[in-house]
Amino acid sequence: MGPFSTLQPWFQGSVVAPGRLPLFSFLVGLLTAFVGIRASVRLIRAGVRWWPGNIRLGGLHVHHVVFGVVLMAGAGVAGLVVPDGRPVWRAAVAVAFGIGTGLVLDEFALILHLEDVYWTERGRTSVDAVFAAVALSGMMLTGLRPPGFHHWGRLGPGGDPAVFAAEVAGSLLLAVITLLKGKTWTGLVGLFCPPLLVVGALRLGRPRAPWARWRYGPRRPDRQRRAEARERRLRMPLMAAKVRLQELLAGRHDLPDHRRAPAPRSRAPRCVDRAVRACPRVRGGAGTRPGNGRWIYEKNRLSAVKSVCAHNGGASTPMT
């Protein structure tokens, strides 16, 4: 009873009284779904016999993102129906929406790449998406708001729309520059802490970011070298620590990543009269055909081109 009695005044004063109970419930549902589904897939991958395993309908593997989409849709509609005077019901709907969000974001890489890359290197994108959602929800739960949010409720007759528009436009501009420089986390967190956006927009960009391709490289080789040196000195150790944390929480993404190579562009044979040439006549007579082997080759080639022309809807027939 001791810890709960200590946390109850904080919970009432910091979560319930300011009206943040739905946001708190959403965050609890998100974390519960992520931890639960990651534990499930790790048990499945380890081949634990007593665990039920994947859900299949016939030969179809139903990914848990499907259940997440259904939960999000149902909870979203329910949130529009539940009145404001029912905090318990609104909290329950927020929990359901958070669980659905956790299931969807856990397979964000599947949605992004349209491939099952869950345990590959590209599958780390899902963990990054969950981390970003938890960080943004946590900052809003502590009372942080993006610039201009506090002026939203004062845009009536006595408000100043110019101040609101200037704050929002300035923050978005700095955030876009920061993201183009490859600083994703600085751009996201900076939406709630504007000084970070100023630092991210003024500091050197990452060497492979769009900003570096446009502004560095051959145009400014000194900045490109500085960006690469800074990447090796600071960014790579941080990324290694982040990967270790991800593997501790979500498992190892170590399966080979079979990326699909872009298919070479090839033109289908045009259905023209010169698609297949006539068999050359050989010496010995005007109507003599070539040898049997050459005739069979030309005949098979003609049939293949006719099939392609019929498939493409060509109107012209190759010459026989």
C-alpha atoms as a PDB file:
ATOM      1  CA  MET A   1       0.000   0.000   0.000  1.00  0.00           C
ATOM      2  CA  GLY A   2       2.945   2.318   0.579  1.00  0.00           C
ATOM      3  CA  PRO A   3       3.999   2.848  -3.083  1.00  0.00           C
ATOM      4  CA  PHE A   4       0.405   3.088  -4.295  1.00  0.00           C
ATOM      5  CA  SER A   5      -0.506   5.607  -1.629  1.00  0.00           C
ATOM      6  CA  THR A   6       2.492   7.695  -2.709  1.00  0.00           C
ATOM      7  CA  LEU A   7       1.656   7.527  -6.421  1.00  0.00           C
ATOM      8  CA  GLN A   8      -2.057   8.230  -6.011  1.00  0.00           C
ATOM      9  CA  PRO A   9      -1.720  11.985  -5.314  1.00  0.00           C
ATOM     10  CA  TRP A  10       0.662  12.331  -8.276  1.00  0.00           C
ATOM     11  CA  PHE A  11      -1.691  10.378 -10.530  1.00  0.00           C
ATOM     12  CA  GLN A  12      -4.685  12.468  -9.515  1.00  0.00           C
ATOM     13  CA  GLY A  13      -2.869  15.779  -9.815  1.00  0.00           C
ATOM     14  CA  SER A  14      -0.782  15.100 -12.944  1.00  0.00           C
ATOM     15  CA  VAL A  15      -2.949  12.736 -15.002  1.00  0.00           C
ATOM     16  CA  VAL A  16      -6.606  12.822 -13.971  1.00  0.00           C
ATOM     17  CA  ALA A  17      -7.042  16.481 -13.030  1.00  0.00           C
ATOM     18  CA  PRO A  18      -5.485  17.963 -16.250  1.00  0.00           C
ATOM     19  CA  GLY A  19      -7.580  15.584 -18.364  1.00  0.00           C
ATOM     20  CA  ARG A  20      -4.692  13.366 -19.495  1.00  0.00           C
ATOM     21  CA  LEU A  21      -6.254  10.055 -18.463  1.00  0.00           C
ATOM     22  CA  PRO A  22      -7.086   9.025 -22.065  1.00  0.00           C
ATOM     23  CA  LEU A  23      -3.517   9.782 -23.162  1.00  0.00           C
ATOM     24  CA  PHE A  24      -2.145   7.816 -20.216  1.00  0.00           C
ATOM     25  CA  SER A  25      -4.445   4.907 -21.063  1.00  0.00           C
ATOM     26  CA  PHE A  26      -3.347   5.040 -24.712  1.00  0.00           C
ATOM     27  CA  LEU A  27       0.316   4.871 -23.680  1.00  0.00           C
ATOM     28  CA  VAL A  28      -0.358   1.932 -21.345  1.00  0.00           C
ATOM     29  CA  GLY A  29      -2.155   0.051 -24.129  1.00  0.00           C
ATOM     30  CA  LEU A  30       0.639   0.796 -26.614  1.00  0.00           C
ATOM     31  CA  LEU A  31       3.377  -0.450 -24.301  1.00  0.00           C
ATOM     32  CA  THR A  32       1.370  -3.510 -23.261  1.00  0.00           C
ATOM     33  CA  ALA A  33       0.716  -4.520 -26.866  1.00  0.00           C
ATOM     34  CA  PHE A  34       4.347  -4.016 -27.927  1.00  0.00           C
ATOM     35  CA  VAL A  35       5.820  -5.963 -25.013  1.00  0.00           C
ATOM     36  CA  GLY A  36       3.214  -8.712 -25.339  1.00  0.00           C
ATOM     37  CA  ILE A  37       3.530  -9.211 -29.093  1.00  0.00           C
ATOM     38  CA  ARG A  38       7.332  -9.106 -28.981  1.00  0.00           C
ATOM     39  CA  ALA A  39       7.336 -11.774 -26.274  1.00  0.00           C
ATOM     40  CA  SER A  40       4.972 -13.857 -28.419  1.00  0.00           C
ATOM     41  CA  VAL A  41       7.022 -13.640 -31.628  1.00  0.00           C
ATOM     42  CA  ARG A  42      10.238 -14.392 -29.755  1.00  0.00           C
ATOM     43  CA  LEU A  43       8.651 -17.535 -28.285  1.00  0.00           C
ATOM     44  CA  ILE A  44       7.474 -18.517 -31.751  1.00  0.00           C
ATOM     45  CA  ARG A  45      10.928 -17.937 -33.213  1.00  0.00           C
ATOM     46  CA  ALA A  46      12.538 -19.963 -30.430  1.00  0.00           C
ATOM     47  CA  GLY A  47      10.231 -22.879 -31.241  1.00  0.00           C
ATOM     48  CA  VAL A  48       8.691 -23.192 -27.776  1.00  0.00           C
ATOM     49  CA  ARG A  49       6.358 -26.182 -28.059  1.00  0.00           C
ATOM     50  CA  TRP A  50       3.707 -25.092 -25.573  1.00  0.00           C
ATOM     51  CA  TRP A  51       3.193 -21.688 -27.216  1.00  0.00           C
ATOM     52  CA  PRO A  52       0.307 -21.655 -29.743  1.00  0.00           C
ATOM     53  CA  GLY A  53       2.309 -19.998 -32.536  1.00  0.00           C
ATOM     54  CA  ASN A  54       1.155 -18.010 -35.547  1.00  0.00           C
ATOM     55  CA  ILE A  55      -2.505 -17.625 -36.473  1.00  0.00           C
ATOM     56  CA  ARG A  56      -3.356 -19.278 -39.782  1.00  0.00           C
ATOM     57  CA  LEU A  57      -6.574 -19.493 -41.741  1.00  0.00           C
ATOM     58  CA  GLY A  58      -6.049 -22.433 -44.017  1.00  0.00           C
ATOM     59  CA  GLY A  59      -2.673 -21.746 -45.561  1.00  0.00           C
ATOM     60  CA  LEU A  60      -2.820 -17.976 -44.922  1.00  0.00           C
ATOM     61  CA  HIS A  61      -0.670 -16.453 -42.182  1.00  0.00           C
ATOM     62  CA  VAL A  62      -2.661 -13.662 -40.568  1.00  0.00           C
ATOM     63  CA  HIS A  63      -0.231 -10.968 -39.391  1.00  0.00           C
ATOM     64  CA  HIS A  64      -1.009  -9.194 -36.138  1.00  0.00           C
ATOM     65  CA  VAL A  65      -1.168  -5.886 -37.994  1.00  0.00           C
ATOM     66  CA  VAL A  66      -4.598  -7.027 -39.205  1.00  0.00           C
ATOM     67  CA  PHE A  67      -5.904  -7.232 -35.635  1.00  0.00           C
ATOM     68  CA  GLY A  68      -4.302  -3.865 -34.908  1.00  0.00           C
ATOM     69  CA  VAL A  69      -6.120  -2.182 -37.783  1.00  0.00           C
ATOM     70  CA  VAL A  70      -9.447  -3.673 -36.652  1.00  0.00           C
ATOM     71  CA  LEU A  71      -8.863  -2.525 -33.061  1.00  0.00           C
ATOM     72  CA  MET A  72      -7.882   0.978 -34.126  1.00  0.00           C
ATOM     73  CA  ALA A  73     -10.937   1.327 -36.365  1.00  0.00           C
ATOM     74  CA  GLY A  74     -13.314   0.025 -33.697  1.00  0.00           C
ATOM     75  CA  ALA A  75     -11.802   2.104 -30.900  1.00  0.00           C
ATOM     76  CA  GLY A  76     -11.740   5.198 -33.095  1.00  0.00           C
ATOM     77  CA  VAL A  77     -15.437   4.935 -33.852  1.00  0.00           C
ATOM     78  CA  ALA A  78     -16.212   4.167 -30.203  1.00  0.00           C
ATOM     79  CA  GLY A  79     -14.262   7.254 -29.146  1.00  0.00           C
ATOM     80  CA  LEU A  80     -16.587   9.379 -31.249  1.00  0.00           C
ATOM     81  CA  VAL A  81     -19.630   7.860 -29.549  1.00  0.00           C
ATOM     82  CA  VAL A  82     -18.608   7.879 -25.871  1.00  0.00           C
ATOM     83  CA  PRO A  83     -19.635  11.192 -24.234  1.00  0.00           C
ATOM     84  CA  ASP A  84     -17.140  13.405 -22.421  1.00  0.00           C
ATOM     85  CA  GLY A  85     -18.741  12.786 -19.048  1.00  0.00           C
ATOM     86  CA  ARG A  86     -17.758   9.109 -18.988  1.00  0.00           C
ATOM     87  CA  PRO A  87     -14.025   9.110 -18.139  1.00  0.00           C
ATOM     88  CA  VAL A  88     -13.849   5.386 -17.419  1.00  0.00           C
ATOM     89  CA  TRP A  89     -15.302   4.466 -20.795  1.00  0.00           C
ATOM     90  CA  ARG A  90     -13.074   6.959 -22.561  1.00  0.00           C
ATOM     91  CA  ALA A  91     -10.053   5.451 -20.823  1.00  0.00           C
ATOM     92  CA  ALA A  92     -11.126   1.955 -21.904  1.00  0.00           C
ATOM     93  CA  VAL A  93     -11.482   3.096 -25.504  1.00  0.00           C
ATOM     94  CA  ALA A  94      -8.050   4.746 -25.319  1.00  0.00           C
ATOM     95  CA  VAL A  95      -6.525   1.481 -24.068  1.00  0.00           C
ATOM     96  CA  ALA A  96      -8.044  -0.404 -26.998  1.00  0.00           C
ATOM     97  CA  PHE A  97      -6.774   2.228 -29.425  1.00  0.00           C
ATOM     98  CA  GLY A  98      -3.300   2.015 -27.886  1.00  0.00           C
ATOM     99  CA  ILE A  99      -3.259  -1.782 -28.204  1.00  0.00           C
ATOM    100  CA  GLY A 100      -4.231  -1.516 -31.865  1.00  0.00           C
ATOM    101  CA  THR A 101      -1.565   1.125 -32.455  1.00  0.00           C
ATOM    102  CA  GLY A 102       1.071  -1.088 -30.839  1.00  0.00           C
ATOM    103  CA  LEU A 103       0.154  -4.035 -33.057  1.00  0.00           C
ATOM    104  CA  VAL A 104       0.222  -1.882 -36.195  1.00  0.00           C
ATOM    105  CA  LEU A 105       3.507  -0.119 -35.405  1.00  0.00           C
ATOM    106  CA  ASP A 106       5.171  -3.427 -34.528  1.00  0.00           C
ATOM    107  CA  GLU A 107       4.782  -4.344 -38.201  1.00  0.00           C
ATOM    108  CA  PHE A 108       5.399  -0.865 -39.566  1.00  0.00           C
ATOM    109  CA  ALA A 109       8.272  -2.229 -41.685  1.00  0.00           C
ATOM    110  CA  LEU A 110       5.853  -4.659 -43.355  1.00  0.00           C
ATOM    111  CA  ILE A 111       3.578  -1.749 -44.304  1.00  0.00           C
ATOM    112  CA  LEU A 112       6.504   0.407 -45.463  1.00  0.00           C
ATOM    113  CA  HIS A 113       8.303  -2.188 -47.611  1.00  0.00           C
ATOM    114  CA  LEU A 114       5.306  -4.403 -48.489  1.00  0.00           C
ATOM    115  CA  GLU A 115       7.478  -7.385 -47.578  1.00  0.00           C
ATOM    116  CA  ASP A 116       7.800  -9.608 -44.525  1.00  0.00           C
ATOM    117  CA  VAL A 117      11.087  -8.155 -43.223  1.00  0.00           C
ATOM    118  CA  TYR A 118      10.243  -8.595 -39.536  1.00  0.00           C
ATOM    119  CA  TRP A 119      13.536 -10.181 -38.422  1.00  0.00           C
ATOM    120  CA  THR A 120      15.805  -8.545 -40.990  1.00  0.00           C
ATOM    121  CA  GLU A 121      17.803  -5.343 -40.736  1.00  0.00           C
ATOM    122  CA  ARG A 122      14.970  -3.380 -42.334  1.00  0.00           C
ATOM    123  CA  GLY A 123      12.653  -4.718 -39.641  1.00  0.00           C
ATOM    124  CA  ARG A 124      14.275  -2.394 -37.119  1.00  0.00           C
ATOM    125  CA  THR A 125      12.117   0.347 -38.607  1.00  0.00           C
ATOM    126  CA  SER A 126       9.166  -1.071 -36.676  1.00  0.00           C
ATOM    127  CA  VAL A 127      11.006  -0.747 -33.369  1.00  0.00           C
ATOM    128  CA  ASP A 128      12.018   2.808 -34.252  1.00  0.00           C
ATOM    129  CA  ALA A 129       8.372   3.645 -34.977  1.00  0.00           C
ATOM    130  CA  VAL A 130       7.270   2.275 -31.590  1.00  0.00           C
ATOM    131  CA  PHE A 131      10.042   4.184 -29.811  1.00  0.00           C
ATOM    132  CA  ALA A 132       8.983   7.406 -31.554  1.00  0.00           C
ATOM    133  CA  ALA A 133       5.313   6.898 -30.624  1.00  0.00           C
ATOM    134  CA  VAL A 134       6.203   6.200 -26.989  1.00  0.00           C
ATOM    135  CA  ALA A 135       8.507   9.230 -26.823  1.00  0.00           C
ATOM    136  CA  LEU A 136       5.936  11.621 -28.316  1.00  0.00           C
ATOM    137  CA  SER A 137       3.124  10.289 -26.112  1.00  0.00           C
ATOM    138  CA  GLY A 138       5.328  10.479 -23.031  1.00  0.00           C
ATOM    139  CA  MET A 139       6.297  14.094 -23.700  1.00  0.00           C
ATOM    140  CA  MET A 140       2.670  15.088 -24.183  1.00  0.00           C
ATOM    141  CA  LEU A 141       1.773  13.236 -20.987  1.00  0.00           C
ATOM    142  CA  THR A 142       4.275  15.320 -19.044  1.00  0.00           C
ATOM    143  CA  GLY A 143       2.630  18.512 -20.301  1.00  0.00           C
ATOM    144  CA  LEU A 144       4.926  19.421 -23.186  1.00  0.00           C
ATOM    145  CA  ARG A 145       3.147  20.798 -26.221  1.00  0.00           C
ATOM    146  CA  PRO A 146       4.312  21.874 -29.705  1.00  0.00           C
ATOM    147  CA  PRO A 147       4.800  25.619 -30.244  1.00  0.00           C
ATOM    148  CA  GLY A 148       1.563  27.426 -30.920  1.00  0.00           C
ATOM    149  CA  PHE A 149      -0.570  24.841 -29.153  1.00  0.00           C
ATOM    150  CA  HIS A 150      -1.198  27.095 -26.169  1.00  0.00           C
ATOM    151  CA  HIS A 151      -2.527  29.810 -28.494  1.00  0.00           C
ATOM    152  CA  TRP A 152      -4.994  27.400 -30.118  1.00  0.00           C
ATOM    153  CA  GLY A 153      -7.685  28.046 -27.573  1.00  0.00           C
ATOM    154  CA  ARG A 154      -7.201  31.820 -27.762  1.00  0.00           C
ATOM    155  CA  LEU A 155      -7.923  32.267 -31.459  1.00  0.00           C
ATOM    156  CA  GLY A 156     -11.319  33.785 -30.754  1.00  0.00           C
ATOM    157  CA  PRO A 157     -12.141  37.469 -30.916  1.00  0.00           C
ATOM    158  CA  GLY A 158      -9.379  38.359 -28.474  1.00  0.00           C
ATOM    159  CA  GLY A 159      -6.723  36.072 -29.907  1.00  0.00           C
ATOM    160  CA  ASP A 160      -3.905  36.868 -32.277  1.00  0.00           C
ATOM    161  CA  PRO A 161      -3.836  34.491 -35.261  1.00  0.00           C
ATOM    162  CA  ALA A 162      -0.585  36.033 -36.494  1.00  0.00           C
ATOM    163  CA  VAL A 163       1.318  34.823 -33.421  1.00  0.00           C
ATOM    164  CA  PHE A 164      -0.089  31.333 -33.774  1.00  0.00           C
ATOM    165  CA  ALA A 165       0.716  31.188 -37.508  1.00  0.00           C
ATOM    166  CA  ALA A 166       4.254  32.517 -37.000  1.00  0.00           C
ATOM    167  CA  GLU A 167       5.053  29.994 -34.271  1.00  0.00           C
ATOM    168  CA  VAL A 168       3.698  27.054 -36.230  1.00  0.00           C
ATOM    169  CA  ALA A 169       5.322  28.082 -39.524  1.00  0.00           C
ATOM    170  CA  GLY A 170       8.701  28.741 -37.897  1.00  0.00           C
ATOM    171  CA  SER A 171       8.686  25.434 -36.043  1.00  0.00           C
ATOM    172  CA  LEU A 172       7.679  23.476 -39.125  1.00  0.00           C
ATOM    173  CA  LEU A 173      10.381  25.148 -41.232  1.00  0.00           C
ATOM    174  CA  LEU A 174      13.097  24.340 -38.695  1.00  0.00           C
ATOM    175  CA  ALA A 175      11.746  20.802 -38.305  1.00  0.00           C
ATOM    176  CA  VAL A 176      11.834  20.197 -42.069  1.00  0.00           C
ATOM    177  CA  ILE A 177      15.432  21.433 -42.303  1.00  0.00           C
ATOM    178  CA  THR A 178      16.435  19.254 -39.365  1.00  0.00           C
ATOM    179  CA  LEU A 179      14.795  16.165 -40.872  1.00  0.00           C
ATOM    180  CA  LEU A 180      16.388  16.840 -44.271  1.00  0.00           C
ATOM    181  CA  LYS A 181      19.747  16.873 -42.498  1.00  0.00           C
ATOM    182  CA  GLY A 182      19.039  13.327 -41.327  1.00  0.00           C
ATOM    183  CA  LYS A 183      18.368  14.120 -37.661  1.00  0.00           C
ATOM    184  CA  THR A 184      15.086  12.312 -37.140  1.00  0.00           C
ATOM    185  CA  TRP A 185      15.008  12.243 -33.364  1.00  0.00           C
ATOM    186  CA  THR A 186      16.153  15.842 -33.063  1.00  0.00           C
ATOM    187  CA  GLY A 187      13.357  16.895 -35.410  1.00  0.00           C
ATOM    188  CA  LEU A 188      10.662  14.948 -33.550  1.00  0.00           C
ATOM    189  CA  VAL A 189      11.711  15.943 -30.042  1.00  0.00           C
ATOM    190  CA  GLY A 190      12.378  19.490 -31.215  1.00  0.00           C
ATOM    191  CA  LEU A 191       8.687  19.926 -31.994  1.00  0.00           C
ATOM    192  CA  PHE A 192       8.180  20.019 -28.228  1.00  0.00           C
ATOM    193  CA  CYS A 193      11.478  21.764 -27.440  1.00  0.00           C
ATOM    194  CA  PRO A 194      12.143  24.491 -30.061  1.00  0.00           C
ATOM    195  CA  PRO A 195      15.796  25.142 -29.067  1.00  0.00           C
ATOM    196  CA  LEU A 196      16.608  21.635 -30.329  1.00  0.00           C
ATOM    197  CA  LEU A 197      15.199  22.573 -33.731  1.00  0.00           C
ATOM    198  CA  VAL A 198      17.458  25.619 -33.879  1.00  0.00           C
ATOM    199  CA  VAL A 199      20.497  23.508 -33.005  1.00  0.00           C
ATOM    200  CA  GLY A 200      19.542  20.778 -35.484  1.00  0.00           C
ATOM    201  CA  ALA A 201      18.938  23.254 -38.305  1.00  0.00           C
ATOM    202  CA  LEU A 202      22.238  25.081 -37.775  1.00  0.00           C
ATOM    203  CA  ARG A 203      24.538  22.141 -37.113  1.00  0.00           C
ATOM    204  CA  LEU A 204      26.202  20.013 -39.765  1.00  0.00           C
ATOM    205  CA  GLY A 205      23.987  17.435 -41.483  1.00  0.00           C
ATOM    206  CA  ARG A 206      24.604  13.718 -41.790  1.00  0.00           C
ATOM    207  CA  PRO A 207      26.766  12.695 -44.789  1.00  0.00           C
ATOM    208  CA  ARG A 208      24.082  10.588 -46.541  1.00  0.00           C
ATOM    209  CA  ALA A 209      21.105  12.816 -45.808  1.00  0.00           C
ATOM    210  CA  PRO A 210      19.282  14.679 -48.600  1.00  0.00           C
ATOM    211  CA  TRP A 211      20.715  17.960 -47.349  1.00  0.00           C
ATOM    212  CA  ALA A 212      24.256  16.613 -47.761  1.00  0.00           C
ATOM    213  CA  ARG A 213      23.538  15.429 -51.295  1.00  0.00           C
ATOM    214  CA  TRP A 214      22.241  18.859 -52.224  1.00  0.00           C
ATOM    215  CA  ARG A 215      24.631  21.107 -50.312  1.00  0.00           C
ATOM    216  CA  TYR A 216      27.820  19.088 -49.653  1.00  0.00           C
ATOM    217  CA  GLY A 217      29.598  16.540 -51.824  1.00  0.00           C
ATOM    218  CA  PRO A 218      31.637  17.916 -54.728  1.00  0.00           C
ATOM    219  CA  ARG A 219      30.361  21.432 -54.087  1.00  0.00           C
ATOM    220  CA  ARG A 220      31.725  21.610 -50.552  1.00  0.00           C
ATOM    221  CA  PRO A 221      34.105  18.660 -50.010  1.00  0.00           C
ATOM    222  CA  ASP A 222      35.364  20.068 -46.713  1.00  0.00           C
ATOM    223  CA  ARG A 223      31.886  19.910 -45.192  1.00  0.00           C
ATOM    224  CA  GLN A 224      31.392  16.417 -46.590  1.00  0.00           C
ATOM    225  CA  ARG A 225      34.615  15.254 -44.910  1.00  0.00           C
ATOM    226  CA  ARG A 226      33.622  16.903 -41.635  1.00  0.00           C
ATOM    227  CA  ALA A 227      30.196  15.266 -41.782  1.00  0.00           C
ATOM    228  CA  GLU A 228      31.697  11.821 -42.409  1.00  0.00           C
ATOM    229  CA  ALA A 229      34.230  12.259 -39.596  1.00  0.00           C
ATOM    230  CA  ARG A 230      31.473  13.394 -37.237  1.00  0.00           C
ATOM    231  CA  GLU A 231      29.358  10.403 -38.268  1.00  0.00           C
ATOM    232  CA  ARG A 232      32.164   7.980 -37.388  1.00  0.00           C
ATOM    233  CA  ARG A 233      33.062   9.729 -34.152  1.00  0.00           C
ATOM    234  CA  LEU A 234      29.595  10.369 -32.687  1.00  0.00           C
ATOM    235  CA  ARG A 235      26.779   8.811 -34.664  1.00  0.00           C
ATOM    236  CA  MET A 236      28.086   5.275 -35.102  1.00  0.00           C
ATOM    237  CA  PRO A 237      28.677   4.625 -31.366  1.00  0.00           C
ATOM    238  CA  LEU A 238      25.195   5.949 -30.607  1.00  0.00           C
ATOM    239  CA  MET A 239      23.671   3.731 -33.287  1.00  0.00           C
ATOM    240  CA  ALA A 240      25.497   0.711 -31.904  1.00  0.00           C
ATOM    241  CA  ALA A 241      24.115   1.434 -28.428  1.00  0.00           C
ATOM    242  CA  LYS A 242      20.605   1.851 -29.877  1.00  0.00           C
ATOM    243  CA  VAL A 243      20.878  -1.478 -31.707  1.00  0.00           C
ATOM    244  CA  ARG A 244      21.928  -3.244 -28.506  1.00  0.00           C
ATOM    245  CA  LEU A 245      18.939  -1.741 -26.690  1.00  0.00           C
ATOM    246  CA  GLN A 246      16.599  -2.786 -29.496  1.00  0.00           C
ATOM    247  CA  GLU A 247      17.935  -6.343 -29.454  1.00  0.00           C
ATOM    248  CA  LEU A 248      17.509  -6.502 -25.694  1.00  0.00           C
ATOM    249  CA  LEU A 249      13.869  -5.426 -25.894  1.00  0.00           C
ATOM    250  CA  ALA A 250      12.709  -6.723 -29.265  1.00  0.00           C
ATOM    251  CA  GLY A 251      15.063  -9.549 -30.293  1.00  0.00           C
ATOM    252  CA  ARG A 252      17.822  -9.869 -32.871  1.00  0.00           C
ATOM    253  CA  HIS A 253      17.086  -8.760 -36.414  1.00  0.00           C
ATOM    254  CA  ASP A 254      19.683 -11.045 -37.970  1.00  0.00           C
ATOM    255  CA  LEU A 255      17.945 -12.869 -40.805  1.00  0.00           C
ATOM    256  CA  PRO A 256      19.384 -12.302 -44.296  1.00  0.00           C
ATOM    257  CA  ASP A 257      17.643  -9.525 -46.144  1.00  0.00           C
ATOM    258  CA  HIS A 258      16.847 -10.675 -49.672  1.00  0.00           C
ATOM    259  CA  ARG A 259      16.174  -7.385 -51.329  1.00  0.00           C
ATOM    260  CA  ARG A 260      14.374  -7.521 -54.618  1.00  0.00           C
ATOM    261  CA  ALA A 261      16.619  -6.338 -57.413  1.00  0.00           C
ATOM    262  CA  PRO A 262      14.896  -3.999 -59.848  1.00  0.00           C
ATOM    263  CA  ALA A 263      13.818  -5.896 -62.931  1.00  0.00           C
ATOM    264  CA  PRO A 264      15.690  -4.891 -66.081  1.00  0.00           C
ATOM    265  CA  ARG A 265      13.622  -2.960 -68.537  1.00  0.00           C
ATOM    266  CA  SER A 266      12.991  -4.868 -71.726  1.00  0.00           C
ATOM    267  CA  ARG A 267      10.870  -4.035 -74.702  1.00  0.00           C
ATOM    268  CA  ALA A 268       8.416  -6.555 -76.022  1.00  0.00           C
ATOM    269  CA  PRO A 269       8.779  -7.451 -79.716  1.00  0.00           C
ATOM    270  CA  ARG A 270       6.853  -5.055 -81.865  1.00  0.00           C
ATOM    271  CA  CYS A 271       4.214  -6.623 -84.038  1.00  0.00           C
ATOM    272  CA  VAL A 272       5.557  -5.463 -87.366  1.00  0.00           C
ATOM    273  CA  ASP A 273       6.116  -7.298 -90.568  1.00  0.00           C
ATOM    274  CA  ARG A 274       9.879  -7.414 -90.020  1.00  0.00           C
ATOM    275  CA  ALA A 275       9.667  -9.104 -86.596  1.00  0.00           C
ATOM    276  CA  VAL A 276      10.758 -12.406 -88.163  1.00  0.00           C
ATOM    277  CA  ARG A 277      12.471 -12.466 -91.472  1.00  0.00           C
ATOM    278  CA  ALA A 278      11.611 -14.973 -94.131  1.00  0.00           C
ATOM    279  CA  CYS A 279      13.873 -17.979 -94.402  1.00  0.00           C
ATOM    280  CA  PRO A 280      16.513 -17.240 -96.961  1.00  0.00           C
ATOM    281  CA  ARG A 281      16.356 -19.282-100.068  1.00  0.00           C
ATOM    282  CA  VAL A 282      19.276 -21.527-100.743  1.00  0.00           C
ATOM    283  CA  ARG A 283      20.913 -22.229-104.009  1.00  0.00           C
ATOM    284  CA  GLY A 284      19.523 -24.986-106.085  1.00  0.00           C
ATOM    285  CA  GLY A 285      16.090 -23.760-106.992  1.00  0.00           C
ATOM    286  CA  ALA A 286      13.631 -20.931-106.583  1.00  0.00           C
ATOM    287  CA  GLY A 287      11.286 -22.850-104.333  1.00  0.00           C
ATOM    288  CA  THR A 288      13.769 -24.804-102.277  1.00  0.00           C
ATOM    289  CA  ARG A 289      13.530 -24.427 -98.492  1.00  0.00           C
ATOM    290  CA  PRO A 290      16.571 -24.414 -96.214  1.00  0.00           C
ATOM    291  CA  GLY A 291      17.694 -27.434 -94.272  1.00  0.00           C
ATOM    292  CA  ASN A 292      15.282 -29.116 -91.879  1.00  0.00           C
ATOM    293  CA  GLY A 293      16.994 -27.856 -88.729  1.00  0.00           C
ATOM    294  CA  ARG A 294      17.020 -24.211 -89.866  1.00  0.00           C
ATOM    295  CA  TRP A 295      13.363 -24.467 -90.925  1.00  0.00           C
ATOM    296  CA  ILE A 296      12.287 -25.792 -87.492  1.00  0.00           C
ATOM    297  CA  TYR A 297      14.233 -22.976 -85.782  1.00  0.00           C
ATOM    298  CA  GLU A 298      12.563 -20.283 -87.869  1.00  0.00           C
ATOM    299  CA  LYS A 299       9.157 -21.883 -87.380  1.00  0.00           C
ATOM    300  CA  ASN A 300       9.507 -21.988 -83.567  1.00  0.00           C
ATOM    301  CA  ARG A 301      10.744 -18.410 -83.529  1.00  0.00           C
ATOM    302  CA  LEU A 302       7.728 -17.321 -85.544  1.00  0.00           C
ATOM    303  CA  SER A 303       5.344 -19.063 -83.143  1.00  0.00           C
ATOM    304  CA  ALA A 304       6.962 -17.375 -80.139  1.00  0.00           C
ATOM    305  CA  VAL A 305       6.630 -13.917 -81.657  1.00  0.00           C
ATOM    306  CA  LYS A 306       3.035 -14.607 -82.643  1.00  0.00           C
ATOM    307  CA  SER A 307       2.259 -15.541 -79.035  1.00  0.00           C
ATOM    308  CA  VAL A 308       3.817 -12.317 -77.728  1.00  0.00           C
ATOM    309  CA  CYS A 309       1.937 -10.240 -80.283  1.00  0.00           C
ATOM    310  CA  ALA A 310      -1.369 -11.880 -79.404  1.00  0.00           C
ATOM    311  CA  HIS A 311      -0.694 -11.289 -75.677  1.00  0.00           C
ATOM    312  CA  ASN A 312       0.076  -7.605 -76.303  1.00  0.00           C
ATOM    313  CA  GLY A 313      -2.952  -7.121 -78.531  1.00  0.00           C
ATOM    314  CA  GLY A 314      -0.965  -6.536 -81.685  1.00  0.00           C
ATOM    315  CA  ALA A 315      -2.819  -6.323 -84.918  1.00  0.00           C
ATOM    316  CA  SER A 316      -0.037  -6.934 -87.379  1.00  0.00           C
ATOM    317  CA  THR A 317       1.158 -10.481 -88.206  1.00  0.00           C
ATOM    318  CA  PRO A 318       4.847 -11.195 -88.756  1.00  0.00           C
ATOM    319  CA  MET A 319       5.898 -12.200 -92.190  1.00  0.00           C
ATOM    320  CA  THR A 320       6.103 -15.941 -92.908  1.00  0.00           C
END
